[in-house]
PDB file of N, CA and C in Angstrom:
ATOM      1  N   MET A   1     -10.514  -8.597 -29.567  1.00  0.00           N
ATOM      2  CA  MET A   1     -10.227  -9.110 -28.240  1.00  0.00           C
ATOM      3  C   MET A   1     -10.827  -8.155 -27.210  1.00  0.00           C
ATOM      4  N   THR A   2     -11.578  -8.696 -26.285  1.00  0.00           N
ATOM      5  CA  THR A   2     -12.133  -7.917 -25.187  1.00  0.00           C
ATOM      6  C   THR A   2     -11.113  -7.870 -24.058  1.00  0.00           C
ATOM      7  N   VAL A   3     -10.843  -6.674 -23.568  1.00  0.00           N
ATOM      8  CA  VAL A   3      -9.893  -6.479 -22.475  1.00  0.00           C
ATOM      9  C   VAL A   3     -10.588  -5.697 -21.372  1.00  0.00           C
ATOM     10  N   ARG A   4     -10.379  -6.148 -20.151  1.00  0.00           N
ATOM     11  CA  ARG A   4     -10.955  -5.490 -18.972  1.00  0.00           C
ATOM     12  C   ARG A   4      -9.804  -5.187 -18.023  1.00  0.00           C
ATOM     13  N   ILE A   5      -9.890  -4.042 -17.360  1.00  0.00           N
ATOM     14  CA  ILE A   5      -8.893  -3.691 -16.359  1.00  0.00           C
ATOM     15  C   ILE A   5      -9.602  -3.383 -15.050  1.00  0.00           C
ATOM     16  N   TYR A   6      -9.147  -4.025 -13.992  1.00  0.00           N
ATOM     17  CA  TYR A   6      -9.595  -3.684 -12.640  1.00  0.00           C
ATOM     18  C   TYR A   6      -8.636  -2.598 -12.189  1.00  0.00           C
ATOM     19  N   HIS A   7      -9.165  -1.394 -12.093  1.00  0.00           N
ATOM     20  CA  HIS A   7      -8.374  -0.173 -12.075  1.00  0.00           C
ATOM     21  C   HIS A   7      -8.631   0.658 -10.827  1.00  0.00           C
ATOM     22  N   ASN A   8      -7.550   1.252 -10.327  1.00  0.00           N
ATOM     23  CA  ASN A   8      -7.634   2.248  -9.265  1.00  0.00           C
ATOM     24  C   ASN A   8      -6.975   3.507  -9.821  1.00  0.00           C
ATOM     25  N   PRO A   9      -7.761   4.519 -10.168  1.00  0.00           N
ATOM     26  CA  PRO A   9      -7.194   5.709 -10.795  1.00  0.00           C
ATOM     27  C   PRO A   9      -6.200   6.463  -9.916  1.00  0.00           C
ATOM     28  N   ARG A  10      -6.176   6.179  -8.624  1.00  0.00           N
ATOM     29  CA  ARG A  10      -5.219   6.855  -7.733  1.00  0.00           C
ATOM     30  C   ARG A  10      -3.866   6.137  -7.696  1.00  0.00           C
ATOM     31  N   CYS A  11      -3.792   4.968  -8.307  1.00  0.00           N
ATOM     32  CA  CYS A  11      -2.569   4.163  -8.294  1.00  0.00           C
ATOM     33  C   CYS A  11      -1.752   4.441  -9.555  1.00  0.00           C
ATOM     34  N   SER A  12      -0.493   4.806  -9.392  1.00  0.00           N
ATOM     35  CA  SER A  12       0.341   5.142 -10.549  1.00  0.00           C
ATOM     36  C   SER A  12       0.553   3.934 -11.463  1.00  0.00           C
ATOM     37  N   LYS A  13       0.737   2.750 -10.900  1.00  0.00           N
ATOM     38  CA  LYS A  13       0.925   1.549 -11.735  1.00  0.00           C
ATOM     39  C   LYS A  13      -0.341   1.247 -12.538  1.00  0.00           C
ATOM     40  N   SER A  14      -1.478   1.463 -11.927  1.00  0.00           N
ATOM     41  CA  SER A  14      -2.738   1.240 -12.622  1.00  0.00           C
ATOM     42  C   SER A  14      -2.893   2.251 -13.760  1.00  0.00           C
ATOM     43  N   ARG A  15      -2.577   3.499 -13.508  1.00  0.00           N
ATOM     44  CA  ARG A  15      -2.649   4.521 -14.558  1.00  0.00           C
ATOM     45  C   ARG A  15      -1.659   4.218 -15.689  1.00  0.00           C
ATOM     46  N   GLN A  16      -0.459   3.786 -15.329  1.00  0.00           N
ATOM     47  CA  GLN A  16       0.550   3.450 -16.336  1.00  0.00           C
ATOM     48  C   GLN A  16       0.099   2.261 -17.188  1.00  0.00           C
ATOM     49  N   THR A  17      -0.530   1.285 -16.543  1.00  0.00           N
ATOM     50  CA  THR A  17      -1.012   0.115 -17.275  1.00  0.00           C
ATOM     51  C   THR A  17      -2.115   0.504 -18.245  1.00  0.00           C
ATOM     52  N   LEU A  18      -3.041   1.329 -17.793  1.00  0.00           N
ATOM     53  CA  LEU A  18      -4.112   1.801 -18.672  1.00  0.00           C
ATOM     54  C   LEU A  18      -3.533   2.576 -19.853  1.00  0.00           C
ATOM     55  N   ALA A  19      -2.556   3.415 -19.594  1.00  0.00           N
ATOM     56  CA  ALA A  19      -1.912   4.185 -20.669  1.00  0.00           C
ATOM     57  C   ALA A  19      -1.219   3.249 -21.662  1.00  0.00           C
ATOM     58  N   LEU A  20      -0.583   2.205 -21.167  1.00  0.00           N
ATOM     59  CA  LEU A  20       0.094   1.235 -22.027  1.00  0.00           C
ATOM     60  C   LEU A  20      -0.901   0.533 -22.949  1.00  0.00           C
ATOM     61  N   LEU A  21      -2.048   0.170 -22.406  1.00  0.00           N
ATOM     62  CA  LEU A  21      -3.095  -0.437 -23.235  1.00  0.00           C
ATOM     63  C   LEU A  21      -3.540   0.534 -24.326  1.00  0.00           C
ATOM     64  N   ARG A  22      -3.785   1.763 -23.934  1.00  0.00           N
ATOM     65  CA  ARG A  22      -4.274   2.762 -24.896  1.00  0.00           C
ATOM     66  C   ARG A  22      -3.224   3.077 -25.957  1.00  0.00           C
ATOM     67  N   GLU A  23      -1.938   3.072 -25.567  1.00  0.00           N
ATOM     68  CA  GLU A  23      -0.864   3.298 -26.543  1.00  0.00           C
ATOM     69  C   GLU A  23      -0.868   2.224 -27.623  1.00  0.00           C
ATOM     70  N   ARG A  24      -1.381   1.073 -27.287  1.00  0.00           N
ATOM     71  CA  ARG A  24      -1.446  -0.043 -28.237  1.00  0.00           C
ATOM     72  C   ARG A  24      -2.804  -0.147 -28.911  1.00  0.00           C
ATOM     73  N   GLY A  25      -3.598   0.920 -28.771  1.00  0.00           N
ATOM     74  CA  GLY A  25      -4.872   0.982 -29.467  1.00  0.00           C
ATOM     75  C   GLY A  25      -5.985   0.181 -28.821  1.00  0.00           C
ATOM     76  N   ILE A  26      -5.817  -0.162 -27.546  1.00  0.00           N
ATOM     77  CA  ILE A  26      -6.826  -0.951 -26.833  1.00  0.00           C
ATOM     78  C   ILE A  26      -7.543  -0.052 -25.841  1.00  0.00           C
ATOM     79  N   GLU A  27      -8.852   0.032 -25.986  1.00  0.00           N
ATOM     80  CA  GLU A  27      -9.666   0.766 -25.013  1.00  0.00           C
ATOM     81  C   GLU A  27     -10.395  -0.296 -24.186  1.00  0.00           C
ATOM     82  N   PRO A  28      -9.883  -0.580 -22.991  1.00  0.00           N
ATOM     83  CA  PRO A  28     -10.460  -1.657 -22.184  1.00  0.00           C
ATOM     84  C   PRO A  28     -11.742  -1.240 -21.480  1.00  0.00           C
ATOM     85  N   ASP A  29     -12.497  -2.234 -21.079  1.00  0.00           N
ATOM     86  CA  ASP A  29     -13.584  -1.992 -20.125  1.00  0.00           C
ATOM     87  C   ASP A  29     -12.896  -1.692 -18.804  1.00  0.00           C
ATOM     88  N   ILE A  30     -13.233  -0.577 -18.202  1.00  0.00           N
ATOM     89  CA  ILE A  30     -12.578  -0.160 -16.958  1.00  0.00           C
ATOM     90  C   ILE A  30     -13.526  -0.413 -15.788  1.00  0.00           C
ATOM     91  N   ILE A  31     -13.040  -1.177 -14.835  1.00  0.00           N
ATOM     92  CA  ILE A  31     -13.811  -1.432 -13.617  1.00  0.00           C
ATOM     93  C   ILE A  31     -13.042  -0.810 -12.463  1.00  0.00           C
ATOM     94  N   GLU A  32     -13.608   0.227 -11.893  1.00  0.00           N
ATOM     95  CA  GLU A  32     -13.002   0.821 -10.701  1.00  0.00           C
ATOM     96  C   GLU A  32     -13.436  -0.042  -9.520  1.00  0.00           C
ATOM     97  N   TYR A  33     -12.596  -0.996  -9.199  1.00  0.00           N
ATOM     98  CA  TYR A  33     -12.972  -2.040  -8.242  1.00  0.00           C
ATOM     99  C   TYR A  33     -13.200  -1.523  -6.819  1.00  0.00           C
ATOM    100  N   LEU A  34     -12.693  -0.351  -6.488  1.00  0.00           N
ATOM    101  CA  LEU A  34     -12.978   0.193  -5.159  1.00  0.00           C
ATOM    102  C   LEU A  34     -14.418   0.691  -5.073  1.00  0.00           C
ATOM    103  N   LYS A  35     -14.956   1.156  -6.213  1.00  0.00           N
ATOM    104  CA  LYS A  35     -16.346   1.607  -6.261  1.00  0.00           C
ATOM    105  C   LYS A  35     -17.294   0.444  -6.523  1.00  0.00           C
ATOM    106  N   HIS A  36     -16.819  -0.543  -7.296  1.00  0.00           N
ATOM    107  CA  HIS A  36     -17.641  -1.684  -7.703  1.00  0.00           C
ATOM    108  C   HIS A  36     -16.847  -2.966  -7.458  1.00  0.00           C
ATOM    109  N   PRO A  37     -16.774  -3.403  -6.198  1.00  0.00           N
ATOM    110  CA  PRO A  37     -15.969  -4.595  -5.888  1.00  0.00           C
ATOM    111  C   PRO A  37     -16.483  -5.828  -6.629  1.00  0.00           C
ATOM    112  N   PRO A  38     -15.558  -6.608  -7.182  1.00  0.00           N
ATOM    113  CA  PRO A  38     -15.985  -7.835  -7.855  1.00  0.00           C
ATOM    114  C   PRO A  38     -16.598  -8.801  -6.841  1.00  0.00           C
ATOM    115  N   GLY A  39     -17.592  -9.545  -7.296  1.00  0.00           N
ATOM    116  CA  GLY A  39     -18.223 -10.550  -6.448  1.00  0.00           C
ATOM    117  C   GLY A  39     -17.277 -11.715  -6.200  1.00  0.00           C
ATOM    118  N   THR A  40     -17.655 -12.571  -5.282  1.00  0.00           N
ATOM    119  CA  THR A  40     -16.785 -13.696  -4.932  1.00  0.00           C
ATOM    120  C   THR A  40     -16.609 -14.651  -6.110  1.00  0.00           C
ATOM    121  N   ASP A  41     -17.638 -14.852  -6.925  1.00  0.00           N
ATOM    122  CA  ASP A  41     -17.491 -15.721  -8.098  1.00  0.00           C
ATOM    123  C   ASP A  41     -16.493 -15.120  -9.091  1.00  0.00           C
ATOM    124  N   THR A  42     -16.584 -13.821  -9.297  1.00  0.00           N
ATOM    125  CA  THR A  42     -15.653 -13.145 -10.201  1.00  0.00           C
ATOM    126  C   THR A  42     -14.233 -13.226  -9.657  1.00  0.00           C
ATOM    127  N   LEU A  43     -14.078 -12.997  -8.366  1.00  0.00           N
ATOM    128  CA  LEU A  43     -12.750 -13.086  -7.760  1.00  0.00           C
ATOM    129  C   LEU A  43     -12.178 -14.491  -7.895  1.00  0.00           C
ATOM    130  N   SER A  44     -12.989 -15.496  -7.669  1.00  0.00           N
ATOM    131  CA  SER A  44     -12.521 -16.886  -7.820  1.00  0.00           C
ATOM    132  C   SER A  44     -12.080 -17.145  -9.260  1.00  0.00           C
ATOM    133  N   HIS A  45     -12.854 -16.629 -10.214  1.00  0.00           N
ATOM    134  CA  HIS A  45     -12.496 -16.789 -11.627  1.00  0.00           C
ATOM    135  C   HIS A  45     -11.178 -16.066 -11.936  1.00  0.00           C
ATOM    136  N   LEU A  46     -11.014 -14.852 -11.424  1.00  0.00           N
ATOM    137  CA  LEU A  46      -9.769 -14.118 -11.627  1.00  0.00           C
ATOM    138  C   LEU A  46      -8.585 -14.885 -11.047  1.00  0.00           C
ATOM    139  N   LEU A  47      -8.755 -15.430  -9.860  1.00  0.00           N
ATOM    140  CA  LEU A  47      -7.680 -16.209  -9.243  1.00  0.00           C
ATOM    141  C   LEU A  47      -7.309 -17.408 -10.097  1.00  0.00           C
ATOM    142  N   THR A  48      -8.304 -18.056 -10.693  1.00  0.00           N
ATOM    143  CA  THR A  48      -8.038 -19.184 -11.584  1.00  0.00           C
ATOM    144  C   THR A  48      -7.252 -18.722 -12.810  1.00  0.00           C
ATOM    145  N   LEU A  49      -7.703 -17.626 -13.434  1.00  0.00           N
ATOM    146  CA  LEU A  49      -6.999 -17.104 -14.603  1.00  0.00           C
ATOM    147  C   LEU A  49      -5.570 -16.681 -14.271  1.00  0.00           C
ATOM    148  N   LEU A  50      -5.390 -16.135 -13.081  1.00  0.00           N
ATOM    149  CA  LEU A  50      -4.068 -15.688 -12.639  1.00  0.00           C
ATOM    150  C   LEU A  50      -3.205 -16.837 -12.130  1.00  0.00           C
ATOM    151  N   ASN A  51      -3.844 -17.983 -11.873  1.00  0.00           N
ATOM    152  CA  ASN A  51      -3.167 -19.141 -11.290  1.00  0.00           C
ATOM    153  C   ASN A  51      -2.552 -18.774  -9.927  1.00  0.00           C
ATOM    154  N   LEU A  52      -3.373 -18.112  -9.114  1.00  0.00           N
ATOM    155  CA  LEU A  52      -2.933 -17.665  -7.786  1.00  0.00           C
ATOM    156  C   LEU A  52      -3.902 -18.137  -6.714  1.00  0.00           C
ATOM    157  N   GLU A  53      -3.389 -18.228  -5.510  1.00  0.00           N
ATOM    158  CA  GLU A  53      -4.231 -18.416  -4.334  1.00  0.00           C
ATOM    159  C   GLU A  53      -4.588 -17.028  -3.804  1.00  0.00           C
ATOM    160  N   PRO A  54      -5.660 -16.918  -3.016  1.00  0.00           N
ATOM    161  CA  PRO A  54      -6.127 -15.591  -2.589  1.00  0.00           C
ATOM    162  C   PRO A  54      -5.077 -14.713  -1.917  1.00  0.00           C
ATOM    163  N   ARG A  55      -4.264 -15.266  -1.044  1.00  0.00           N
ATOM    164  CA  ARG A  55      -3.283 -14.421  -0.351  1.00  0.00           C
ATOM    165  C   ARG A  55      -2.279 -13.805  -1.321  1.00  0.00           C
ATOM    166  N   ALA A  56      -2.009 -14.479  -2.424  1.00  0.00           N
ATOM    167  CA  ALA A  56      -1.061 -13.950  -3.401  1.00  0.00           C
ATOM    168  C   ALA A  56      -1.625 -12.726  -4.132  1.00  0.00           C
ATOM    169  N   LEU A  57      -2.924 -12.525  -4.039  1.00  0.00           N
ATOM    170  CA  LEU A  57      -3.577 -11.364  -4.654  1.00  0.00           C
ATOM    171  C   LEU A  57      -3.806 -10.251  -3.631  1.00  0.00           C
ATOM    172  N   MET A  58      -3.430 -10.502  -2.382  1.00  0.00           N
ATOM    173  CA  MET A  58      -3.699  -9.536  -1.311  1.00  0.00           C
ATOM    174  C   MET A  58      -2.523  -8.613  -1.069  1.00  0.00           C
ATOM    175  N   ARG A  59      -2.853  -7.386  -0.809  1.00  0.00           N
ATOM    176  CA  ARG A  59      -1.871  -6.386  -0.394  1.00  0.00           C
ATOM    177  C   ARG A  59      -1.727  -6.519   1.123  1.00  0.00           C
ATOM    178  N   THR A  60      -0.743  -7.288   1.528  1.00  0.00           N
ATOM    179  CA  THR A  60      -0.609  -7.683   2.936  1.00  0.00           C
ATOM    180  C   THR A  60      -0.188  -6.551   3.863  1.00  0.00           C
ATOM    181  N   GLN A  61       0.259  -5.434   3.306  1.00  0.00           N
ATOM    182  CA  GLN A  61       0.667  -4.316   4.153  1.00  0.00           C
ATOM    183  C   GLN A  61      -0.486  -3.369   4.486  1.00  0.00           C
ATOM    184  N   GLU A  62      -1.652  -3.615   3.894  1.00  0.00           N
ATOM    185  CA  GLU A  62      -2.805  -2.765   4.173  1.00  0.00           C
ATOM    186  C   GLU A  62      -3.336  -3.015   5.587  1.00  0.00           C
ATOM    187  N   THR A  63      -3.869  -1.978   6.193  1.00  0.00           N
ATOM    188  CA  THR A  63      -4.425  -2.057   7.545  1.00  0.00           C
ATOM    189  C   THR A  63      -5.494  -3.137   7.643  1.00  0.00           C
ATOM    190  N   GLU A  64      -6.317  -3.258   6.619  1.00  0.00           N
ATOM    191  CA  GLU A  64      -7.412  -4.228   6.630  1.00  0.00           C
ATOM    192  C   GLU A  64      -6.906  -5.663   6.727  1.00  0.00           C
ATOM    193  N   TYR A  65      -5.743  -5.922   6.165  1.00  0.00           N
ATOM    194  CA  TYR A  65      -5.169  -7.266   6.218  1.00  0.00           C
ATOM    195  C   TYR A  65      -4.858  -7.643   7.664  1.00  0.00           C
ATOM    196  N   LYS A  66      -4.187  -6.739   8.346  1.00  0.00           N
ATOM    197  CA  LYS A  66      -3.819  -7.009   9.739  1.00  0.00           C
ATOM    198  C   LYS A  66      -5.035  -6.963  10.663  1.00  0.00           C
ATOM    199  N   ALA A  67      -5.914  -5.994  10.456  1.00  0.00           N
ATOM    200  CA  ALA A  67      -7.085  -5.815  11.322  1.00  0.00           C
ATOM    201  C   ALA A  67      -8.034  -7.005  11.264  1.00  0.00           C
ATOM    202  N   ASN A  68      -8.047  -7.717  10.142  1.00  0.00           N
ATOM    203  CA  ASN A  68      -8.947  -8.858   9.973  1.00  0.00           C
ATOM    204  C   ASN A  68      -8.233 -10.200  10.127  1.00  0.00           C
ATOM    205  N   ASN A  69      -6.999 -10.145  10.620  1.00  0.00           N
ATOM    206  CA  ASN A  69      -6.215 -11.367  10.870  1.00  0.00           C
ATOM    207  C   ASN A  69      -6.177 -12.282   9.658  1.00  0.00           C
ATOM    208  N   LEU A  70      -5.974 -11.714   8.497  1.00  0.00           N
ATOM    209  CA  LEU A  70      -6.000 -12.498   7.274  1.00  0.00           C
ATOM    210  C   LEU A  70      -4.740 -13.332   7.069  1.00  0.00           C
ATOM    211  N   ASP A  71      -3.772 -13.184   7.961  1.00  0.00           N
ATOM    212  CA  ASP A  71      -2.599 -14.058   7.912  1.00  0.00           C
ATOM    213  C   ASP A  71      -2.837 -15.380   8.636  1.00  0.00           C
ATOM    214  N   ASN A  72      -4.027 -15.545   9.213  1.00  0.00           N
ATOM    215  CA  ASN A  72      -4.380 -16.766   9.935  1.00  0.00           C
ATOM    216  C   ASN A  72      -4.394 -17.945   8.954  1.00  0.00           C
ATOM    217  N   PRO A  73      -3.514 -18.931   9.141  1.00  0.00           N
ATOM    218  CA  PRO A  73      -3.442 -20.060   8.200  1.00  0.00           C
ATOM    219  C   PRO A  73      -4.691 -20.942   8.212  1.00  0.00           C
ATOM    220  N   LYS A  74      -5.549 -20.784   9.201  1.00  0.00           N
ATOM    221  CA  LYS A  74      -6.763 -21.603   9.281  1.00  0.00           C
ATOM    222  C   LYS A  74      -7.896 -21.073   8.402  1.00  0.00           C
ATOM    223  N   LEU A  75      -7.734 -19.865   7.859  1.00  0.00           N
ATOM    224  CA  LEU A  75      -8.779 -19.312   7.008  1.00  0.00           C
ATOM    225  C   LEU A  75      -8.857 -20.098   5.704  1.00  0.00           C
ATOM    226  N   SER A  76     -10.063 -20.387   5.286  1.00  0.00           N
ATOM    227  CA  SER A  76     -10.279 -21.141   4.053  1.00  0.00           C
ATOM    228  C   SER A  76     -10.130 -20.226   2.830  1.00  0.00           C
ATOM    229  N   ARG A  77     -10.020 -20.847   1.682  1.00  0.00           N
ATOM    230  CA  ARG A  77      -9.982 -20.093   0.424  1.00  0.00           C
ATOM    231  C   ARG A  77     -11.225 -19.220   0.305  1.00  0.00           C
ATOM    232  N   GLU A  78     -12.389 -19.791   0.638  1.00  0.00           N
ATOM    233  CA  GLU A  78     -13.641 -19.045   0.541  1.00  0.00           C
ATOM    234  C   GLU A  78     -13.644 -17.835   1.469  1.00  0.00           C
ATOM    235  N   GLN A  79     -13.115 -17.990   2.668  1.00  0.00           N
ATOM    236  CA  GLN A  79     -13.054 -16.859   3.601  1.00  0.00           C
ATOM    237  C   GLN A  79     -12.125 -15.766   3.081  1.00  0.00           C
ATOM    238  N   LEU A  80     -11.023 -16.168   2.469  1.00  0.00           N
ATOM    239  CA  LEU A  80     -10.082 -15.185   1.930  1.00  0.00           C
ATOM    240  C   LEU A  80     -10.666 -14.468   0.717  1.00  0.00           C
ATOM    241  N   VAL A  81     -11.371 -15.202  -0.132  1.00  0.00           N
ATOM    242  CA  VAL A  81     -12.022 -14.579  -1.284  1.00  0.00           C
ATOM    243  C   VAL A  81     -13.093 -13.602  -0.800  1.00  0.00           C
ATOM    244  N   GLN A  82     -13.819 -13.989   0.212  1.00  0.00           N
ATOM    245  CA  GLN A  82     -14.835 -13.097   0.786  1.00  0.00           C
ATOM    246  C   GLN A  82     -14.177 -11.828   1.331  1.00  0.00           C
ATOM    247  N   ALA A  83     -13.024 -11.976   1.965  1.00  0.00           N
ATOM    248  CA  ALA A  83     -12.304 -10.808   2.495  1.00  0.00           C
ATOM    249  C   ALA A  83     -11.883  -9.871   1.361  1.00  0.00           C
ATOM    250  N   LEU A  84     -11.465 -10.430   0.223  1.00  0.00           N
ATOM    251  CA  LEU A  84     -11.120  -9.591  -0.924  1.00  0.00           C
ATOM    252  C   LEU A  84     -12.336  -8.815  -1.416  1.00  0.00           C
ATOM    253  N   HIS A  85     -13.489  -9.471  -1.396  1.00  0.00           N
ATOM    254  CA  HIS A  85     -14.721  -8.785  -1.798  1.00  0.00           C
ATOM    255  C   HIS A  85     -15.098  -7.703  -0.776  1.00  0.00           C
ATOM    256  N   ASP A  86     -15.048  -8.052   0.499  1.00  0.00           N
ATOM    257  CA  ASP A  86     -15.452  -7.130   1.559  1.00  0.00           C
ATOM    258  C   ASP A  86     -14.500  -5.944   1.704  1.00  0.00           C
ATOM    259  N   HIS A  87     -13.238  -6.164   1.369  1.00  0.00           N
ATOM    260  CA  HIS A  87     -12.195  -5.136   1.521  1.00  0.00           C
ATOM    261  C   HIS A  87     -11.428  -5.020   0.200  1.00  0.00           C
ATOM    262  N   PRO A  88     -12.034  -4.450  -0.819  1.00  0.00           N
ATOM    263  CA  PRO A  88     -11.389  -4.421  -2.138  1.00  0.00           C
ATOM    264  C   PRO A  88     -10.055  -3.688  -2.160  1.00  0.00           C
ATOM    265  N   LYS A  89      -9.795  -2.878  -1.157  1.00  0.00           N
ATOM    266  CA  LYS A  89      -8.505  -2.193  -1.064  1.00  0.00           C
ATOM    267  C   LYS A  89      -7.360  -3.209  -0.986  1.00  0.00           C
ATOM    268  N   LEU A  90      -7.679  -4.423  -0.554  1.00  0.00           N
ATOM    269  CA  LEU A  90      -6.672  -5.472  -0.427  1.00  0.00           C
ATOM    270  C   LEU A  90      -6.245  -6.057  -1.772  1.00  0.00           C
ATOM    271  N   ILE A  91      -7.038  -5.855  -2.814  1.00  0.00           N
ATOM    272  CA  ILE A  91      -6.760  -6.476  -4.110  1.00  0.00           C
ATOM    273  C   ILE A  91      -5.547  -5.816  -4.760  1.00  0.00           C
ATOM    274  N   GLU A  92      -4.571  -6.640  -5.109  1.00  0.00           N
ATOM    275  CA  GLU A  92      -3.406  -6.139  -5.843  1.00  0.00           C
ATOM    276  C   GLU A  92      -3.883  -5.612  -7.186  1.00  0.00           C
ATOM    277  N   ARG A  93      -3.296  -4.532  -7.634  1.00  0.00           N
ATOM    278  CA  ARG A  93      -3.772  -3.884  -8.842  1.00  0.00           C
ATOM    279  C   ARG A  93      -2.605  -3.466  -9.706  1.00  0.00           C
ATOM    280  N   PRO A  94      -2.940  -3.213 -10.957  1.00  0.00           N
ATOM    281  CA  PRO A  94      -4.177  -3.484 -11.675  1.00  0.00           C
ATOM    282  C   PRO A  94      -4.198  -4.927 -12.176  1.00  0.00           C
ATOM    283  N   ILE A  95      -5.377  -5.420 -12.435  1.00  0.00           N
ATOM    284  CA  ILE A  95      -5.520  -6.731 -13.055  1.00  0.00           C
ATOM    285  C   ILE A  95      -6.107  -6.497 -14.442  1.00  0.00           C
ATOM    286  N   VAL A  96      -5.446  -7.047 -15.443  1.00  0.00           N
ATOM    287  CA  VAL A  96      -5.911  -6.943 -16.819  1.00  0.00           C
ATOM    288  C   VAL A  96      -6.344  -8.340 -17.254  1.00  0.00           C
ATOM    289  N   VAL A  97      -7.540  -8.403 -17.859  1.00  0.00           N
ATOM    290  CA  VAL A  97      -8.154  -9.682 -18.179  1.00  0.00           C
ATOM    291  C   VAL A  97      -8.595  -9.715 -19.638  1.00  0.00           C
ATOM    292  N   THR A  98      -8.324 -10.842 -20.294  1.00  0.00           N
ATOM    293  CA  THR A  98      -8.905 -11.135 -21.604  1.00  0.00           C
ATOM    294  C   THR A  98      -9.841 -12.325 -21.404  1.00  0.00           C
ATOM    295  N   GLU A  99     -10.347 -12.863 -22.492  1.00  0.00           N
ATOM    296  CA  GLU A  99     -11.286 -13.976 -22.370  1.00  0.00           C
ATOM    297  C   GLU A  99     -10.657 -15.196 -21.694  1.00  0.00           C
ATOM    298  N   GLN A 100      -9.389 -15.432 -21.954  1.00  0.00           N
ATOM    299  CA  GLN A 100      -8.744 -16.662 -21.508  1.00  0.00           C
ATOM    300  C   GLN A 100      -7.656 -16.484 -20.453  1.00  0.00           C
ATOM    301  N   ARG A 101      -7.196 -15.240 -20.257  1.00  0.00           N
ATOM    302  CA  ARG A 101      -6.029 -15.042 -19.395  1.00  0.00           C
ATOM    303  C   ARG A 101      -6.172 -13.759 -18.583  1.00  0.00           C
ATOM    304  N   ALA A 102      -5.328 -13.672 -17.571  1.00  0.00           N
ATOM    305  CA  ALA A 102      -5.267 -12.460 -16.748  1.00  0.00           C
ATOM    306  C   ALA A 102      -3.831 -12.289 -16.265  1.00  0.00           C
ATOM    307  N   VAL A 103      -3.498 -11.050 -15.963  1.00  0.00           N
ATOM    308  CA  VAL A 103      -2.166 -10.753 -15.442  1.00  0.00           C
ATOM    309  C   VAL A 103      -2.267  -9.514 -14.559  1.00  0.00           C
ATOM    310  N   ILE A 104      -1.400  -9.463 -13.568  1.00  0.00           N
ATOM    311  CA  ILE A 104      -1.295  -8.282 -12.712  1.00  0.00           C
ATOM    312  C   ILE A 104      -0.279  -7.346 -13.347  1.00  0.00           C
ATOM    313  N   GLY A 105      -0.648  -6.101 -13.505  1.00  0.00           N
ATOM    314  CA  GLY A 105       0.212  -5.115 -14.153  1.00  0.00           C
ATOM    315  C   GLY A 105       1.227  -4.499 -13.212  1.00  0.00           C
ATOM    316  N   ARG A 106       2.008  -5.309 -12.590  1.00  0.00           N
ATOM    317  CA  ARG A 106       3.121  -4.865 -11.740  1.00  0.00           C
ATOM    318  C   ARG A 106       4.349  -5.664 -12.122  1.00  0.00           C
ATOM    319  N   PRO A 107       5.219  -5.121 -12.896  1.00  0.00           N
ATOM    320  CA  PRO A 107       5.181  -3.798 -13.514  1.00  0.00           C
ATOM    321  C   PRO A 107       4.181  -3.765 -14.672  1.00  0.00           C
ATOM    322  N   PRO A 108       3.837  -2.585 -15.127  1.00  0.00           N
ATOM    323  CA  PRO A 108       2.854  -2.471 -16.205  1.00  0.00           C
ATOM    324  C   PRO A 108       3.190  -3.304 -17.439  1.00  0.00           C
ATOM    325  N   GLU A 109       4.461  -3.469 -17.728  1.00  0.00           N
ATOM    326  CA  GLU A 109       4.876  -4.219 -18.912  1.00  0.00           C
ATOM    327  C   GLU A 109       4.455  -5.689 -18.857  1.00  0.00           C
ATOM    328  N   ASN A 110       4.084  -6.185 -17.676  1.00  0.00           N
ATOM    329  CA  ASN A 110       3.591  -7.569 -17.569  1.00  0.00           C
ATOM    330  C   ASN A 110       2.409  -7.820 -18.491  1.00  0.00           C
ATOM    331  N   ILE A 111       1.624  -6.794 -18.740  1.00  0.00           N
ATOM    332  CA  ILE A 111       0.414  -6.990 -19.541  1.00  0.00           C
ATOM    333  C   ILE A 111       0.718  -7.289 -21.002  1.00  0.00           C
ATOM    334  N   LEU A 112       1.923  -7.006 -21.441  1.00  0.00           N
ATOM    335  CA  LEU A 112       2.268  -7.226 -22.840  1.00  0.00           C
ATOM    336  C   LEU A 112       2.147  -8.713 -23.198  1.00  0.00           C
ATOM    337  N   THR A 113       2.290  -9.594 -22.232  1.00  0.00           N
ATOM    338  CA  THR A 113       2.139 -11.030 -22.507  1.00  0.00           C
ATOM    339  C   THR A 113       0.714 -11.369 -22.934  1.00  0.00           C
ATOM    340  N   LEU A 114      -0.256 -10.584 -22.492  1.00  0.00           N
ATOM    341  CA  LEU A 114      -1.642 -10.807 -22.884  1.00  0.00           C
ATOM    342  C   LEU A 114      -1.917 -10.383 -24.325  1.00  0.00           C
ATOM    343  N   LEU A 115      -1.112  -9.480 -24.823  1.00  0.00           N
ATOM    344  CA  LEU A 115      -1.380  -8.871 -26.125  1.00  0.00           C
ATOM    345  C   LEU A 115      -0.644  -9.587 -27.259  1.00  0.00           C
ATOM    346  N   GLU A 116       0.155 -10.591 -26.921  1.00  0.00           N
ATOM    347  CA  GLU A 116       0.925 -11.326 -27.948  1.00  0.00           C
ATOM    348  C   GLU A 116       0.042 -12.262 -28.733  1.00  0.00           C
TER     349      GLU A 116
END
């Protein structure tokens, strides 16, 4: 099984999730999304796997959320996905992905559903 983690090494939940994967013998592909933001197509695919709309993946307390008026209900899905790409700090983390599914590791134990 191929496993990928969208990871922020400065985030304790992200570090805990990575450690949980490794404890189970899984060495995931690690994408430091702040250094390498996912493209809009990848973000759209992640949202589909997560069964979420873009705002549900956004960290709404971040300065970028308020500064870019991302709470505006008139913004389209495409505009919100673009904002996630343009401001990767807004992406809730970590996201763990397999071929068919994805889950947000908050709490880290959420990822165990992917490994069943």
